[in-house]
Protein backbone atom coordinates (compact mmCIF):
# COMPACT_ATOMS: atom_id res chain seq x y z
CA MET A 1 -0.14 0.07 0.02
CA ASN A 2 1.29 3.62 -0.66
CA THR A 3 1.70 5.04 2.24
CA GLU A 4 1.29 8.46 0.62
CA THR A 5 -2.35 7.90 0.10
CA TYR A 6 -2.59 5.10 3.48
CA THR A 7 -5.30 7.24 5.93
CA PRO A 8 -5.31 5.36 9.68
CA PRO A 9 -9.05 4.48 10.76
CA ARG A 10 -9.64 6.05 13.85
CA ASP A 11 -9.37 3.46 16.04
CA ALA A 12 -6.98 0.59 14.30
CA SER A 13 -6.62 -1.37 17.34
CA ARG A 14 -10.50 -2.65 16.80
CA LEU A 15 -10.36 -6.14 15.33
CA ASP A 16 -14.09 -5.96 14.82
CA GLY A 17 -15.64 -8.56 12.01
CA ARG A 18 -12.13 -10.46 12.44
CA VAL A 19 -11.83 -14.19 14.10
CA ALA A 20 -9.02 -15.49 16.40
CA ILE A 21 -7.68 -18.72 17.61
CA VAL A 22 -5.84 -18.58 20.90
CA THR A 23 -4.21 -21.62 21.56
CA GLY A 24 -3.31 -22.66 25.45
CA ALA A 25 -5.88 -20.08 26.45
CA GLY A 26 -7.36 -21.21 29.50
CA SER A 27 -5.45 -21.61 33.14
CA ARG A 28 -4.68 -23.90 35.24
CA THR A 29 -6.30 -21.68 37.89
CA PRO A 30 -8.58 -19.30 37.97
CA GLU A 31 -5.90 -16.36 37.71
CA ILE A 32 -4.71 -14.90 34.50
CA GLY A 33 -1.72 -16.39 31.99
CA ASN A 34 -0.47 -14.99 28.78
CA GLY A 35 -3.23 -17.40 26.72
CA ARG A 36 -6.17 -16.26 28.76
CA ALA A 37 -5.25 -12.21 29.17
CA ALA A 38 -4.63 -12.80 24.91
CA ALA A 39 -7.97 -14.08 24.44
CA ILE A 40 -9.87 -11.32 26.74
CA LEU A 41 -7.92 -8.43 25.24
CA LEU A 42 -8.80 -9.65 21.84
CA ALA A 43 -12.40 -9.94 22.33
CA ARG A 44 -12.50 -7.00 24.18
CA ARG A 45 -11.25 -5.17 20.75
CA GLY A 46 -13.96 -6.84 18.93
CA ALA A 47 -12.45 -10.41 17.41
CA ALA A 48 -14.39 -13.50 17.77
CA VAL A 49 -12.14 -15.80 19.43
CA LEU A 50 -11.78 -19.60 19.39
CA LEU A 51 -10.70 -20.86 22.93
CA ILE A 52 -7.81 -24.07 22.84
CA ASP A 53 -7.11 -25.71 25.68
CA MET A 54 -6.30 -29.27 26.63
CA GLN A 55 -8.61 -29.10 28.95
CA PHE A 56 -11.39 -28.07 27.78
CA GLU A 57 -12.94 -26.76 31.64
CA ALA A 58 -10.06 -24.05 31.61
CA ALA A 59 -11.14 -23.03 28.16
CA GLU A 60 -14.57 -22.95 28.94
CA GLN A 61 -14.44 -20.80 32.15
CA THR A 62 -12.29 -18.10 29.93
CA ARG A 63 -14.97 -18.35 27.55
CA LYS A 64 -17.32 -17.42 30.32
CA MET A 65 -14.83 -14.04 30.90
CA ILE A 66 -14.98 -13.04 27.95
CA GLU A 67 -18.94 -13.42 27.43
CA ALA A 68 -19.62 -11.96 30.34
CA GLU A 69 -18.61 -8.77 29.23
CA GLY A 70 -20.52 -9.06 26.13
CA GLY A 71 -17.29 -10.44 24.06
CA ARG A 72 -17.96 -13.91 21.45
CA ALA A 73 -16.27 -16.71 22.01
CA LEU A 74 -16.04 -20.63 21.74
CA ALA A 75 -13.84 -22.92 23.80
CA LEU A 76 -12.72 -26.30 22.14
CA GLN A 77 -10.92 -29.16 23.89
CA ALA A 78 -7.60 -29.68 21.35
CA ASP A 79 -4.04 -30.88 21.35
CA VAL A 80 -2.37 -28.94 19.60
CA SER A 81 1.05 -31.32 18.99
CA ARG A 82 -1.66 -33.24 17.26
CA SER A 83 -2.03 -32.33 13.26
CA ILE A 84 -5.61 -33.66 12.97
CA ASP A 85 -6.17 -31.80 16.48
CA CYS A 86 -5.27 -28.58 14.70
CA GLU A 87 -7.09 -28.90 11.47
CA ASN A 88 -10.14 -29.68 13.39
CA ALA A 89 -9.65 -26.29 15.54
CA VAL A 90 -9.24 -24.43 12.12
CA ARG A 91 -12.19 -25.95 10.77
CA THR A 92 -14.38 -25.25 13.84
CA ALA A 93 -13.57 -21.49 13.70
CA VAL A 94 -14.59 -21.15 9.59
CA ALA A 95 -17.59 -23.05 10.41
CA GLN A 96 -18.70 -20.72 13.65
CA TRP A 97 -17.59 -17.55 12.36
CA GLY A 98 -16.71 -17.98 8.43
CA ARG A 99 -13.52 -16.98 8.20
CA VAL A 100 -9.37 -16.88 10.27
CA ASP A 101 -7.98 -13.52 10.67
CA ILE A 102 -5.57 -14.14 13.78
CA LEU A 103 -3.43 -16.87 15.44
CA VAL A 104 -2.04 -16.50 18.47
CA ASN A 105 0.38 -20.11 19.01
CA ASN A 106 0.40 -20.09 22.96
CA VAL A 107 1.04 -23.19 24.20
CA GLY A 108 4.42 -23.97 25.47
CA VAL A 109 5.77 -26.46 28.49
CA GLY A 110 8.76 -26.57 30.31
CA GLY A 111 9.65 -29.83 29.20
CA PRO A 112 12.40 -32.08 30.43
CA VAL A 113 15.24 -30.13 32.46
CA GLN A 114 18.62 -32.00 32.32
CA ASN A 115 21.50 -30.98 29.98
CA ALA A 116 22.37 -32.98 26.47
CA VAL A 117 24.36 -35.92 28.81
CA ASP A 118 20.81 -36.50 30.26
CA VAL A 119 17.90 -35.63 29.29
CA ASP A 120 15.78 -38.78 27.61
CA PRO A 121 15.30 -38.23 24.22
CA GLU A 122 11.81 -39.38 24.20
CA GLU A 123 10.95 -36.34 26.27
CA TRP A 124 13.15 -34.11 24.74
CA GLU A 125 10.88 -34.58 21.38
CA ALA A 126 7.57 -34.82 23.31
CA ALA A 127 8.14 -31.13 24.66
CA LEU A 128 9.38 -29.66 21.77
CA ARG A 129 6.64 -31.16 19.89
CA ILE A 130 4.53 -29.14 22.19
CA ASN A 131 6.49 -26.32 21.93
CA VAL A 132 7.47 -25.63 18.01
CA THR A 133 5.93 -28.06 16.20
CA SER A 134 2.20 -27.25 17.48
CA MET A 135 2.92 -23.55 16.31
CA MET A 136 4.13 -25.11 12.60
CA LEU A 137 0.91 -27.25 12.42
CA MET A 138 -1.42 -24.08 13.52
CA ALA A 139 -0.16 -22.35 11.18
CA LYS A 140 -0.26 -25.14 8.79
CA TYR A 141 -4.14 -25.08 8.50
CA ALA A 142 -4.80 -21.36 9.48
CA ILE A 143 -2.55 -19.68 6.80
CA PRO A 144 -4.75 -20.85 3.85
CA GLU A 145 -7.79 -19.41 5.77
CA MET A 146 -5.93 -16.22 5.80
CA ARG A 147 -5.30 -16.28 2.25
CA ARG A 148 -8.91 -16.52 1.38
CA VAL A 149 -9.66 -13.29 3.11
CA GLY A 150 -6.42 -11.32 1.65
CA ALA A 151 -4.77 -10.53 5.02
CA GLY A 152 -3.76 -12.44 8.70
CA ALA A 153 -1.79 -11.81 11.99
CA ILE A 154 0.01 -14.63 13.27
CA VAL A 155 1.58 -14.34 17.02
CA ASN A 156 4.01 -17.17 18.47
CA ILE A 157 4.70 -16.89 22.18
CA ALA A 158 8.33 -17.30 22.97
CA SER A 159 10.86 -16.18 25.84
CA VAL A 160 13.73 -14.03 26.76
CA ALA A 161 15.19 -17.54 27.45
CA GLY A 162 15.19 -17.98 23.82
CA LEU A 163 17.18 -14.79 23.67
CA LEU A 164 19.42 -15.07 26.36
CA GLY A 165 21.74 -18.07 27.11
CA GLY A 166 22.80 -18.93 30.62
CA THR A 167 19.32 -21.17 31.56
CA PRO A 168 19.40 -24.16 33.40
CA SER A 169 17.56 -26.22 30.57
CA LEU A 170 18.51 -27.56 27.32
CA LEU A 171 14.71 -28.08 26.29
CA TYR A 172 12.91 -24.60 26.78
CA PRO A 173 15.76 -22.07 25.81
CA THR A 174 16.76 -24.34 22.68
CA SER A 175 12.34 -24.23 21.80
CA LYS A 176 12.23 -21.03 22.25
CA GLY A 177 15.01 -19.96 20.08
CA ALA A 178 13.57 -22.03 17.17
CA VAL A 179 10.33 -20.14 18.00
CA VAL A 180 12.22 -16.70 17.58
CA ASN A 181 13.74 -17.94 14.35
CA MET A 182 10.42 -19.60 12.80
CA THR A 183 8.31 -16.64 13.31
CA ARG A 184 10.99 -14.58 11.24
CA ALA A 185 10.95 -17.46 8.46
CA MET A 186 7.28 -17.28 8.35
CA ALA A 187 7.09 -13.59 8.17
CA ALA A 188 9.25 -14.10 5.21
CA HIS A 189 7.24 -16.73 3.60
CA HIS A 190 3.72 -14.45 3.78
CA GLY A 191 4.73 -11.14 3.92
CA VAL A 192 3.44 -10.91 0.26
CA GLU A 193 0.21 -12.81 0.54
CA GLY A 194 -0.75 -9.49 3.52
CA ILE A 195 0.35 -12.47 6.32
CA ARG A 196 2.24 -10.23 9.49
CA VAL A 197 3.89 -12.76 11.58
CA ASN A 198 5.47 -11.65 14.92
CA CYS A 199 6.77 -13.18 18.34
CA VAL A 200 6.18 -11.82 22.53
CA ALA A 201 9.05 -12.73 23.96
CA PRO A 202 7.77 -12.76 27.86
CA GLY A 203 10.45 -12.08 30.79
CA MET A 204 9.17 -13.67 33.76
CA VAL A 205 5.93 -12.72 34.15
CA TYR A 206 3.62 -13.71 37.01
CA THR A 207 1.65 -16.27 35.78
CA PRO A 208 -0.57 -19.52 37.40
CA MET A 209 2.58 -21.79 35.83
CA VAL A 210 5.53 -19.73 37.42
CA ALA A 211 3.09 -19.34 40.78
CA THR A 212 3.24 -23.29 40.92
CA ARG A 213 7.21 -23.04 41.66
CA MET A 214 7.99 -19.86 42.99
CA THR A 215 8.06 -18.90 47.08
CA PRO A 216 7.41 -15.33 47.69
CA GLU A 217 11.07 -14.34 48.64
CA ALA A 218 12.06 -15.61 45.55
CA ARG A 219 9.20 -13.93 43.62
CA GLU A 220 9.90 -10.42 45.56
CA GLU A 221 14.29 -10.84 44.72
CA ARG A 222 13.06 -11.10 40.70
CA ARG A 223 10.89 -7.89 41.52
CA GLN A 224 13.78 -6.18 42.66
CA ARG A 225 16.52 -6.98 40.06
CA SER A 226 13.92 -5.64 36.75
CA LEU A 227 15.16 -2.64 35.69
CA LEU A 228 11.32 -1.45 36.05
CA GLN A 229 11.78 -2.96 39.69
CA THR A 230 7.97 -4.14 39.50
CA GLU A 231 6.36 -7.42 38.17
CA GLY A 232 4.66 -8.10 35.32
CA SER A 233 1.58 -10.33 34.34
CA GLY A 234 -0.10 -11.89 31.58
CA TRP A 235 -2.07 -8.82 31.09
CA ASP A 236 1.03 -7.13 30.31
CA VAL A 237 1.79 -9.99 27.39
CA GLY A 238 -1.69 -10.13 26.22
CA HIS A 239 -1.87 -6.29 25.27
CA ALA A 240 1.76 -6.89 23.63
CA VAL A 241 -0.05 -9.60 21.85
CA ALA A 242 -3.24 -7.56 20.67
CA TYR A 243 -0.90 -4.82 19.81
CA LEU A 244 0.52 -7.35 17.15
CA ALA A 245 -2.78 -8.50 15.99
CA SER A 246 -4.06 -5.34 15.15
CA ASP A 247 -4.12 -2.77 12.34
CA GLU A 248 -1.96 -0.87 15.05
CA ALA A 249 0.76 -3.22 13.78
CA ARG A 250 0.24 -3.20 10.00
CA TRP A 251 3.64 -2.24 9.23
CA VAL A 252 5.08 -4.42 11.53
CA THR A 253 6.33 -8.58 10.67
CA GLY A 254 9.34 -10.74 11.27
CA VAL A 255 9.62 -8.71 14.86
CA VAL A 256 10.96 -10.20 18.49
CA LEU A 257 8.86 -8.10 20.90
CA PRO A 258 10.45 -8.67 24.71
CA VAL A 259 7.85 -8.33 27.53
CA ASP A 260 10.16 -8.26 29.98
CA ALA A 261 11.12 -5.21 32.29
CA GLY A 262 13.71 -4.88 30.88
CA ALA A 263 15.46 -8.60 31.15
CA THR A 264 16.97 -8.23 27.62
CA ALA A 265 19.10 -5.32 28.75
CA GLY A 266 20.71 -5.99 31.62
CA GLN A 267 19.40 -6.15 35.70
CA VAL A 268 19.95 -3.58 38.93
CA LYS A 269 23.51 -4.76 40.31
CA SER A 270 22.03 -5.33 43.37
CA PRO A 271 18.60 -6.26 44.33
CA THR A 272 18.89 -3.76 47.80
CA LEU A 273 20.20 -0.86 45.66
CA SER A 274 17.82 1.12 43.76
CA PRO A 275 18.31 1.84 39.99
CA ASP A 276 19.92 5.41 41.14
CA LYS A 277 22.01 4.41 43.66
CA ALA A 278 23.61 1.22 41.15
CA ALA A 279 24.37 3.92 38.97
CA ARG A 280 26.08 6.30 41.69
CA THR A 281 27.94 3.70 42.94
CA ALA A 282 29.05 1.75 39.54
């Protein structure tokens, strides 16, 4: 499109008339995870949202939250590491609303924590299929539907673990690094079709999955180490997803957007010092 003649709509954030699919759209607790937050925020902008989760009740709870606000959503149980389930999910969205405009690939697991010597190869392959192959499979079936409407937006959820070294697990940063470069490759493949592909890389936001393995002391120490001296949540990730899915980001593709309180930029030198004091004592 010629930028000299382009006039942005009054509210480019709106998604009225569009259909989104969000994987991992439930939460294992009543709290707000990345997928649930993204789904709710997309619905608030006007999209109809297909909510996919391995646990139907988790997705159904998200549906109830969306419909309580006047939004449109449908819950679906699916295992996105299986090709047949991904194909069925896209067919369900099309049968319900006639199209697919947005895909949010959010599903991911921590996987085995061992190094290359100790990791079980079968556990490794199973986790890679969930964290990486599932995103390819969902795109495989969603992109043809986006081609039919002449545009689309895919947002893959990676992690700053895929951008930084030094993590104790081999599988998790490897898989998230793969998501980062898969995003760039998909953006290159499908940009000429009007399909944008971007990636959000969350830092250690406080989500239900994190809550199950973090003490209050560790949570506070992590907060103090962040450059912003604050704790993030699934809502912070969800807002980034909603932006990348909307026409506000119409000229954005192949981007990896860290949502990490500055983790990829650095850390405060000491948890006991404010950023200002840390700078003066450097």
